[in-house]
């Protein structure tokens, strides 16, 4: 039996889980800061390999217990795309766009998900509970380490490029949702969580719920905010 858990903001469970997650992330950042430059590539590869192993385990467990479906488990939610990038980014030649996409999408998507968790326990497996926090912590932590330890900067138009890429992904996923009856990127219906950024207006424009257009405005604001906070004033391109 599948169970969808909604963990209320500032509830006892939320505080416990966030305390554990933040503590582990701080230990990860400490480890990254103590890693010598000559060992940094190995450290990042080990980090990404762990994400890869956990991601494969996630899909293998879903498949073996009969829960994996095209409708629900394709890795095309924004956070899942970010996790896929985490799986490979340390094993390929430095790619500025992949880093920027991971930085913005990973931090925004990961942070919003951790603040308002909605977790599906497929066949009541608590692995997916742990995986939820692991994945969303990883897509925040890895790009931050790349930014500060690997000295990868955000270009001046990076926020705009990523905004365009997310919208391109949106255009691809809308027909997939129509074909499968799915809800990838939550553009068919909003998530169940209590989030002030979710405007539950189900009216449609061109077949798209109007809250998606509100999200566009919120997304631009968040992208710009991240750019302003994390840009390198001396070397932004």
Foldseek 3Di string as FASTA:
>chain_A
DKDKDKDAFPDPVLVVLVVVLVVVLVVLVVVLVPDDLVCNLVSLLVLLCVLVVLVVVVVVVCVVVVNDDLQEDDQLALLSVLSVLSNPCSPDDHDLLSLLLLALSLQVVLVVCSRIPIWMCVVPDCSRVVSNSVSSSSSNRSSVSCCPVVVRFAAPCSLVVSLVVVVVSVVVVVVVCVVSVHQGNNFQAHDPTDDPLQDRQQDDDPNTGCSVVSVSVVSSVSSVVVCVVRGDPVDHD
